[in-house]
């Protein structure tokens, strides 16, 4: 666009420079980390309204804000007015005797009380709507772990999606215009499942199940956050929910849940994709830094001391056993409590690819 302001003799040079820079820009864009979906027009705007709950929640919020602004102006305005009207006029002026006014005192107590009852009733009605899912809602199960979400579809056996601590990743797919019920639990600490665009949030508690439901109204991608501090990587516990037209839902769900080697893809590269897609990077680093689980840097072939005092060499059998039965052998210094079993979630080809990826981490 800037070339329109150049002198004629420099336009061709500018075009040539832009053409030469294009591959570099494309390569940099491909290497850049994926950014979360944008949901607001600007910093002061409310998030996008993308569910049937969003409008009523925003209306209640704006009603409370309007009341705050009104009473702020009223109180501060009255205070400034009285400061001016009743300021001391002379050195010998004395304050007149003022008794209380029962009518005014009643009003400044009754009016806020009525408004609080209105806010409570409004919020309670909305809350009850959000706690009673329709009978025909799609069932989705959500498990929170430090520091990623696992999403499974009971009506679609074998379909599983996870979030990613390194970049926002497709974590859930739902159809537009159909109610969805989430049954949620945690395998370690307290989490909180939060979708700002849907105006829904619910604690995810270890040892019990909580439920939440919504009906998406807008096609697009929206952020998922953990809204309860759950450890040092809490801020990375993000995901993406994708809303599609109903006729595209089933096919997209099957495609997104596929975790197969691409044609010509090396086993180690396939293993790297599994490492990020199945949440392994939430607990196992590649740079040797300590985390919830042992780092995978120079892991293969290393002598490890177990919690029971025994030692072993990290090989294919040990890695496979750790993936399928993580509590069988625990490395000294780690609890192993956060490591879930991937029995039924990863097949032998995927486990083999993970092993090949671990071998490359020198």
Protein backbone atom coordinates (compact mmCIF):
# COMPACT_ATOMS: atom_id res chain seq x y z
CA UNK A 1 0.00 0.00 0.00
CA UNK A 2 2.88 2.40 0.74
CA UNK A 3 4.12 2.07 -2.84
CA UNK A 4 1.39 4.47 -3.99
CA UNK A 5 3.33 7.27 -2.25
CA UNK A 6 6.70 6.39 -3.80
CA UNK A 7 8.25 8.17 -6.73
CA UNK A 8 7.74 6.24 -10.02
CA UNK A 9 11.36 5.15 -10.19
CA UNK A 10 11.19 3.57 -6.73
CA UNK A 11 7.90 1.66 -7.10
CA UNK A 12 9.45 -1.28 -8.93
CA UNK A 13 12.23 -1.53 -6.35
CA UNK A 14 9.66 -1.52 -3.55
CA UNK A 15 7.66 -4.29 -5.23
CA UNK A 16 10.81 -6.38 -5.68
CA UNK A 17 11.79 -5.90 -2.03
CA UNK A 18 8.29 -6.87 -0.89
CA UNK A 19 8.35 -9.99 -3.05
CA UNK A 20 11.72 -11.03 -1.63
CA UNK A 21 10.52 -10.48 1.93
CA UNK A 22 7.28 -12.45 1.50
CA UNK A 23 8.78 -15.95 2.03
CA UNK A 24 10.60 -14.70 5.14
CA UNK A 25 7.41 -13.22 6.56
CA UNK A 26 5.44 -16.40 5.81
CA UNK A 27 8.13 -18.54 7.46
CA UNK A 28 8.17 -16.30 10.56
CA UNK A 29 4.39 -16.41 10.76
CA UNK A 30 4.42 -20.19 10.61
CA UNK A 31 7.04 -20.38 13.37
CA UNK A 32 5.29 -17.86 15.63
CA UNK A 33 3.26 -19.29 18.51
CA UNK A 34 -0.46 -19.58 17.91
CA UNK A 35 -2.40 -16.80 19.59
CA UNK A 36 -5.69 -17.27 21.45
CA UNK A 37 -8.89 -16.15 19.70
CA UNK A 38 -9.72 -12.47 20.07
CA UNK A 39 -13.09 -12.00 21.75
CA UNK A 40 -13.37 -8.24 22.34
CA UNK A 41 -13.33 -5.24 20.05
CA UNK A 42 -11.15 -3.29 22.52
CA UNK A 43 -9.95 -3.43 26.13
CA UNK A 44 -13.12 -1.81 27.49
CA UNK A 45 -15.58 -3.97 25.58
CA UNK A 46 -17.44 -6.95 26.99
CA UNK A 47 -16.50 -10.34 25.50
CA UNK A 48 -18.41 -11.62 22.49
CA UNK A 49 -21.91 -12.89 23.27
CA UNK A 50 -21.71 -16.49 22.09
CA UNK A 51 -24.26 -18.39 24.20
CA UNK A 52 -27.87 -18.12 25.31
CA UNK A 53 -26.66 -17.06 28.78
CA UNK A 54 -24.49 -14.18 27.61
CA UNK A 55 -27.15 -11.53 27.02
CA UNK A 56 -28.95 -11.93 30.36
CA UNK A 57 -25.65 -12.04 32.26
CA UNK A 58 -24.46 -8.86 30.53
CA UNK A 59 -27.77 -7.11 31.19
CA UNK A 60 -27.50 -7.83 34.91
CA UNK A 61 -23.89 -6.67 34.94
CA UNK A 62 -24.71 -3.44 33.11
CA UNK A 63 -27.69 -2.84 35.43
CA UNK A 64 -25.37 -3.06 38.45
CA UNK A 65 -22.83 -0.78 36.77
CA UNK A 66 -25.58 1.75 35.99
CA UNK A 67 -26.70 1.70 39.64
CA UNK A 68 -23.10 2.20 40.77
CA UNK A 69 -22.64 5.18 38.48
CA UNK A 70 -25.99 6.73 39.47
CA UNK A 71 -25.39 6.49 43.21
CA UNK A 72 -21.76 7.54 42.87
CA UNK A 73 -22.81 10.75 41.09
CA UNK A 74 -25.69 11.26 43.55
CA UNK A 75 -23.59 10.84 46.69
CA UNK A 76 -20.51 12.71 45.49
CA UNK A 77 -22.69 15.43 43.95
CA UNK A 78 -24.66 15.89 47.19
CA UNK A 79 -21.44 15.95 49.20
CA UNK A 80 -19.88 18.65 46.99
CA UNK A 81 -23.12 20.67 47.06
CA UNK A 82 -23.37 20.55 50.87
CA UNK A 83 -19.69 21.46 51.21
CA UNK A 84 -20.36 24.58 49.15
CA UNK A 85 -23.75 25.49 50.66
CA UNK A 86 -22.85 25.02 54.31
CA UNK A 87 -19.23 26.09 54.33
CA UNK A 88 -18.13 28.37 57.13
CA UNK A 89 -18.80 32.00 56.15
CA UNK A 90 -17.05 33.80 59.02
CA UNK A 91 -14.87 33.19 62.05
CA UNK A 92 -17.73 33.62 64.52
CA UNK A 93 -20.27 31.51 62.61
CA UNK A 94 -21.56 28.53 64.57
CA UNK A 95 -23.11 25.33 63.29
CA UNK A 96 -26.87 25.27 63.63
CA UNK A 97 -28.52 22.50 65.60
CA UNK A 98 -29.73 19.79 63.19
CA UNK A 99 -31.77 16.80 64.31
CA UNK A 100 -32.22 13.55 62.39
CA UNK A 101 -34.82 13.11 59.64
CA UNK A 102 -36.64 9.79 60.02
CA UNK A 103 -38.17 9.88 56.55
CA UNK A 104 -34.82 10.38 54.80
CA UNK A 105 -33.14 7.72 56.94
CA UNK A 106 -35.89 5.24 56.04
CA UNK A 107 -35.57 5.98 52.33
CA UNK A 108 -31.80 5.62 52.18
CA UNK A 109 -32.15 2.20 53.78
CA UNK A 110 -35.30 0.99 51.98
CA UNK A 111 -34.30 1.95 48.43
CA UNK A 112 -30.94 0.07 48.46
CA UNK A 113 -32.67 -2.89 50.13
CA UNK A 114 -35.25 -3.08 47.34
CA UNK A 115 -32.54 -2.81 44.70
CA UNK A 116 -30.53 -5.60 46.35
CA UNK A 117 -33.61 -7.84 46.33
CA UNK A 118 -34.09 -7.07 42.62
CA UNK A 119 -30.44 -7.97 41.89
CA UNK A 120 -30.72 -11.16 43.95
CA UNK A 121 -33.94 -12.29 42.23
CA UNK A 122 -32.55 -11.50 38.77
CA UNK A 123 -29.31 -13.39 39.48
CA UNK A 124 -31.13 -16.33 41.08
CA UNK A 125 -33.38 -16.78 38.05
CA UNK A 126 -30.36 -16.80 35.74
CA UNK A 127 -28.50 -19.16 38.07
CA UNK A 128 -31.35 -21.68 38.11
CA UNK A 129 -31.46 -21.61 34.32
CA UNK A 130 -27.75 -22.43 34.22
CA UNK A 131 -28.05 -25.35 36.63
CA UNK A 132 -30.86 -27.25 34.87
CA UNK A 133 -29.68 -28.68 31.53
CA UNK A 134 -32.26 -29.91 28.99
CA UNK A 135 -32.81 -33.67 28.78
CA UNK A 136 -31.60 -33.79 25.16
CA UNK A 137 -28.26 -32.09 25.84
CA UNK A 138 -25.07 -33.52 24.32
CA UNK A 139 -22.95 -35.16 27.03
CA UNK A 140 -19.29 -34.21 27.30
CA UNK A 141 -16.90 -35.22 30.08
CA UNK A 142 -14.13 -32.85 31.18
CA UNK A 143 -11.15 -33.74 33.38
CA UNK A 144 -8.82 -31.10 34.77
CA UNK A 145 -5.19 -31.93 35.48
CA UNK A 146 -2.11 -29.87 36.21
CA UNK A 147 -2.07 -28.15 33.73
CA UNK A 148 -4.35 -29.21 30.89
CA UNK A 149 -7.92 -30.22 30.12
CA UNK A 150 -8.97 -33.59 28.74
CA UNK A 151 -12.33 -33.68 26.93
CA UNK A 152 -14.13 -36.91 26.02
CA UNK A 153 -17.40 -37.59 24.20
CA UNK A 154 -19.31 -40.60 25.63
CA UNK A 155 -21.65 -40.63 22.63
CA UNK A 156 -18.59 -40.85 20.33
CA UNK A 157 -16.41 -43.62 21.82
CA UNK A 158 -12.68 -43.08 21.37
CA UNK A 159 -12.96 -39.33 20.73
CA UNK A 160 -10.65 -37.39 23.05
CA UNK A 161 -9.24 -33.87 22.86
CA UNK A 162 -6.77 -32.09 25.15
CA UNK A 163 -5.50 -28.57 25.73
CA UNK A 164 -1.85 -27.56 25.48
CA UNK A 165 0.35 -25.54 27.85
CA UNK A 166 2.57 -24.22 25.04
CA UNK A 167 -0.09 -22.65 22.82
CA UNK A 168 -3.90 -22.47 22.61
CA UNK A 169 -5.10 -25.72 21.07
CA UNK A 170 -8.48 -27.07 19.98
CA UNK A 171 -9.90 -28.59 23.14
CA UNK A 172 -13.64 -28.94 22.54
CA UNK A 173 -15.98 -28.95 19.53
CA UNK A 174 -19.71 -28.28 19.90
CA UNK A 175 -22.57 -27.61 17.47
CA UNK A 176 -24.34 -24.28 17.31
CA UNK A 177 -27.91 -24.19 18.63
CA UNK A 178 -27.76 -27.45 20.61
CA UNK A 179 -27.52 -27.69 24.42
CA UNK A 180 -24.33 -29.24 25.79
CA UNK A 181 -23.92 -30.70 29.29
CA UNK A 182 -20.43 -30.84 30.82
CA UNK A 183 -19.71 -33.37 33.57
CA UNK A 184 -16.43 -32.32 35.15
CA UNK A 185 -13.92 -33.56 37.70
CA UNK A 186 -10.27 -33.07 38.63
CA UNK A 187 -7.53 -35.65 39.11
CA UNK A 188 -5.32 -33.54 41.35
CA UNK A 189 -6.21 -30.06 42.68
CA UNK A 190 -9.05 -27.56 42.43
CA UNK A 191 -9.55 -26.07 38.94
CA UNK A 192 -12.28 -23.89 37.46
CA UNK A 193 -13.61 -24.29 33.92
CA UNK A 194 -14.30 -20.86 32.40
CA UNK A 195 -15.49 -19.77 28.92
CA UNK A 196 -15.79 -15.95 28.94
CA UNK A 197 -17.72 -15.74 25.65
CA UNK A 198 -20.38 -18.09 27.03
CA UNK A 199 -20.45 -16.40 30.49
CA UNK A 200 -20.12 -19.77 32.22
CA UNK A 201 -17.73 -20.84 34.97
CA UNK A 202 -17.76 -23.76 37.40
CA UNK A 203 -15.27 -25.21 39.86
CA UNK A 204 -13.76 -28.58 38.92
CA UNK A 205 -13.21 -30.45 42.17
CA UNK A 206 -11.09 -33.56 42.88
CA UNK A 207 -13.08 -36.50 44.15
CA UNK A 208 -16.50 -35.28 42.96
CA UNK A 209 -18.39 -34.31 39.81
CA UNK A 210 -19.78 -30.90 38.95
CA UNK A 211 -22.02 -30.13 35.98
CA UNK A 212 -22.44 -27.17 33.69
CA UNK A 213 -24.41 -26.61 30.51
CA UNK A 214 -24.64 -24.07 27.69
CA UNK A 215 -26.02 -23.56 24.21
CA UNK A 216 -23.70 -21.84 21.76
CA UNK A 217 -25.23 -19.23 19.45
CA UNK A 218 -22.24 -18.05 17.41
CA UNK A 219 -19.97 -20.00 15.08
CA UNK A 220 -16.30 -19.45 15.82
CA UNK A 221 -13.45 -20.19 18.21
CA UNK A 222 -13.47 -19.02 21.83
CA UNK A 223 -11.08 -19.21 24.77
CA UNK A 224 -11.19 -21.68 27.65
CA UNK A 225 -9.40 -20.75 30.87
CA UNK A 226 -8.78 -22.18 34.31
CA UNK A 227 -10.09 -19.51 36.68
CA UNK A 228 -8.73 -21.04 39.90
CA UNK A 229 -5.03 -20.85 40.78
CA UNK A 230 -3.81 -24.45 40.55
CA UNK A 231 -0.02 -24.28 40.51
CA UNK A 232 2.94 -22.60 38.85
CA UNK A 233 1.65 -23.20 35.30
CA UNK A 234 -1.92 -22.15 36.04
CA UNK A 235 -1.80 -19.34 33.46
CA UNK A 236 -0.93 -21.88 30.75
CA UNK A 237 -4.02 -24.00 31.40
CA UNK A 238 -5.87 -22.63 28.39
CA UNK A 239 -7.79 -24.15 25.52
CA UNK A 240 -10.04 -23.37 22.57
CA UNK A 241 -13.68 -24.32 22.05
CA UNK A 242 -14.86 -24.41 18.46
CA UNK A 243 -18.54 -23.88 17.57
CA UNK A 244 -19.69 -25.28 14.22
CA UNK A 245 -22.91 -25.52 12.28
CA UNK A 246 -24.78 -28.70 13.33
CA UNK A 247 -24.33 -30.43 9.97
CA UNK A 248 -20.51 -30.04 10.25
CA UNK A 249 -20.22 -31.17 13.86
CA UNK A 250 -19.86 -34.96 13.61
CA UNK A 251 -17.33 -34.92 10.76
CA UNK A 252 -15.23 -32.19 12.38
CA UNK A 253 -15.22 -34.03 15.70
CA UNK A 254 -13.92 -37.23 14.12
CA UNK A 255 -11.27 -35.35 12.16
CA UNK A 256 -10.04 -33.32 15.15
CA UNK A 257 -9.74 -36.40 17.36
CA UNK A 258 -7.58 -38.30 14.87
CA UNK A 259 -4.04 -38.82 16.07
CA UNK A 260 -2.39 -40.75 13.29
CA UNK A 261 0.95 -40.48 11.54
CA UNK A 262 0.83 -38.37 8.39
CA UNK A 263 2.11 -39.85 5.12
CA UNK A 264 5.90 -39.73 5.16
CA UNK A 265 6.02 -38.43 8.74
CA UNK A 266 8.94 -39.77 10.76
CA UNK A 267 8.01 -41.65 13.96
CA UNK A 268 9.86 -39.09 16.11
CA UNK A 269 7.91 -36.20 14.54
CA UNK A 270 4.67 -38.07 15.09
CA UNK A 271 5.78 -38.59 18.69
CA UNK A 272 6.32 -34.84 19.06
CA UNK A 273 2.73 -34.20 17.99
CA UNK A 274 1.49 -36.75 20.54
CA UNK A 275 3.66 -35.03 23.19
CA UNK A 276 1.73 -31.79 22.69
CA UNK A 277 -1.69 -33.20 21.76
CA UNK A 278 -1.96 -35.50 24.77
CA UNK A 279 -0.71 -33.00 27.34
CA UNK A 280 2.66 -34.66 28.05
CA UNK A 281 4.33 -31.23 27.89
CA UNK A 282 2.35 -30.11 30.95
CA UNK A 283 4.54 -32.27 33.20
CA UNK A 284 7.62 -33.33 31.22
CA UNK A 285 10.03 -30.68 29.90
CA UNK A 286 12.54 -31.18 27.09
CA UNK A 287 15.27 -28.90 28.46
CA UNK A 288 16.12 -30.72 31.68
CA UNK A 289 14.21 -28.29 33.89
CA UNK A 290 12.40 -29.93 36.81
CA UNK A 291 8.61 -30.15 36.57
CA UNK A 292 5.81 -32.31 37.94
CA UNK A 293 7.36 -35.32 36.20
CA UNK A 294 10.93 -36.20 35.11
CA UNK A 295 12.32 -34.23 32.18
CA UNK A 296 12.62 -36.11 28.92
CA UNK A 297 16.01 -34.57 28.14
CA UNK A 298 18.56 -37.40 27.81
CA UNK A 299 16.00 -39.73 29.39
CA UNK A 300 16.32 -42.82 27.18
CA UNK A 301 19.05 -45.16 28.41
CA UNK A 302 19.50 -43.25 31.68
CA UNK A 303 19.84 -45.05 35.03
CA UNK A 304 16.94 -43.99 37.27
CA UNK A 305 16.56 -44.58 40.99
CA UNK A 306 13.04 -45.50 42.00
CA UNK A 307 11.13 -44.38 45.08
CA UNK A 308 11.55 -47.85 46.61
CA UNK A 309 15.37 -47.64 46.31
CA UNK A 310 15.74 -49.90 43.27
CA UNK A 311 17.29 -48.72 40.03
CA UNK A 312 16.65 -49.46 36.38
CA UNK A 313 17.60 -48.37 32.88
CA UNK A 314 15.03 -46.36 30.97
CA UNK A 315 14.10 -48.45 27.93
CA UNK A 316 11.06 -49.22 25.78
CA UNK A 317 9.48 -51.51 28.38
CA UNK A 318 9.81 -49.00 31.23
CA UNK A 319 8.41 -46.12 29.14
CA UNK A 320 5.47 -48.24 27.97
CA UNK A 321 4.70 -49.33 31.53
CA UNK A 322 4.91 -45.72 32.77
CA UNK A 323 2.41 -44.62 30.12
CA UNK A 324 -0.10 -47.40 30.78
CA UNK A 325 0.50 -48.00 34.51
CA UNK A 326 2.16 -44.85 35.85
CA UNK A 327 1.99 -45.90 39.52
CA UNK A 328 3.89 -49.15 38.96
CA UNK A 329 7.38 -47.62 39.19
CA UNK A 330 7.87 -44.05 40.42
CA UNK A 331 11.15 -42.17 40.11
CA UNK A 332 12.63 -40.99 43.40
CA UNK A 333 11.75 -37.36 44.12
CA UNK A 334 8.38 -37.54 42.36
CA UNK A 335 4.98 -38.56 43.70
CA UNK A 336 3.50 -39.84 40.44
CA UNK A 337 0.06 -38.79 41.66
CA UNK A 338 -0.50 -36.36 38.79
CA UNK A 339 0.37 -38.84 36.04
CA UNK A 340 -2.83 -40.30 34.52
CA UNK A 341 -3.00 -43.68 32.85
CA UNK A 342 -3.23 -43.55 29.07
CA UNK A 343 -4.61 -47.08 28.86
CA UNK A 344 -7.15 -47.03 26.02
CA UNK A 345 -6.09 -43.52 24.93
CA UNK A 346 -2.80 -44.38 23.20
CA UNK A 347 -2.29 -47.46 21.05
CA UNK A 348 0.99 -49.30 20.50
CA UNK A 349 1.88 -47.29 17.38
CA UNK A 350 1.44 -44.02 19.26
CA UNK A 351 3.44 -45.28 22.23
CA UNK A 352 6.21 -46.41 19.87
CA UNK A 353 6.24 -42.95 18.28
CA UNK A 354 6.52 -41.34 21.71
CA UNK A 355 9.48 -43.60 22.52
CA UNK A 356 11.21 -42.59 19.27
CA UNK A 357 10.63 -38.94 20.15
CA UNK A 358 12.11 -39.46 23.63
CA UNK A 359 15.19 -41.07 22.06
CA UNK A 360 15.85 -37.86 20.09
CA UNK A 361 15.98 -35.74 23.25
CA UNK A 362 19.73 -35.78 23.84
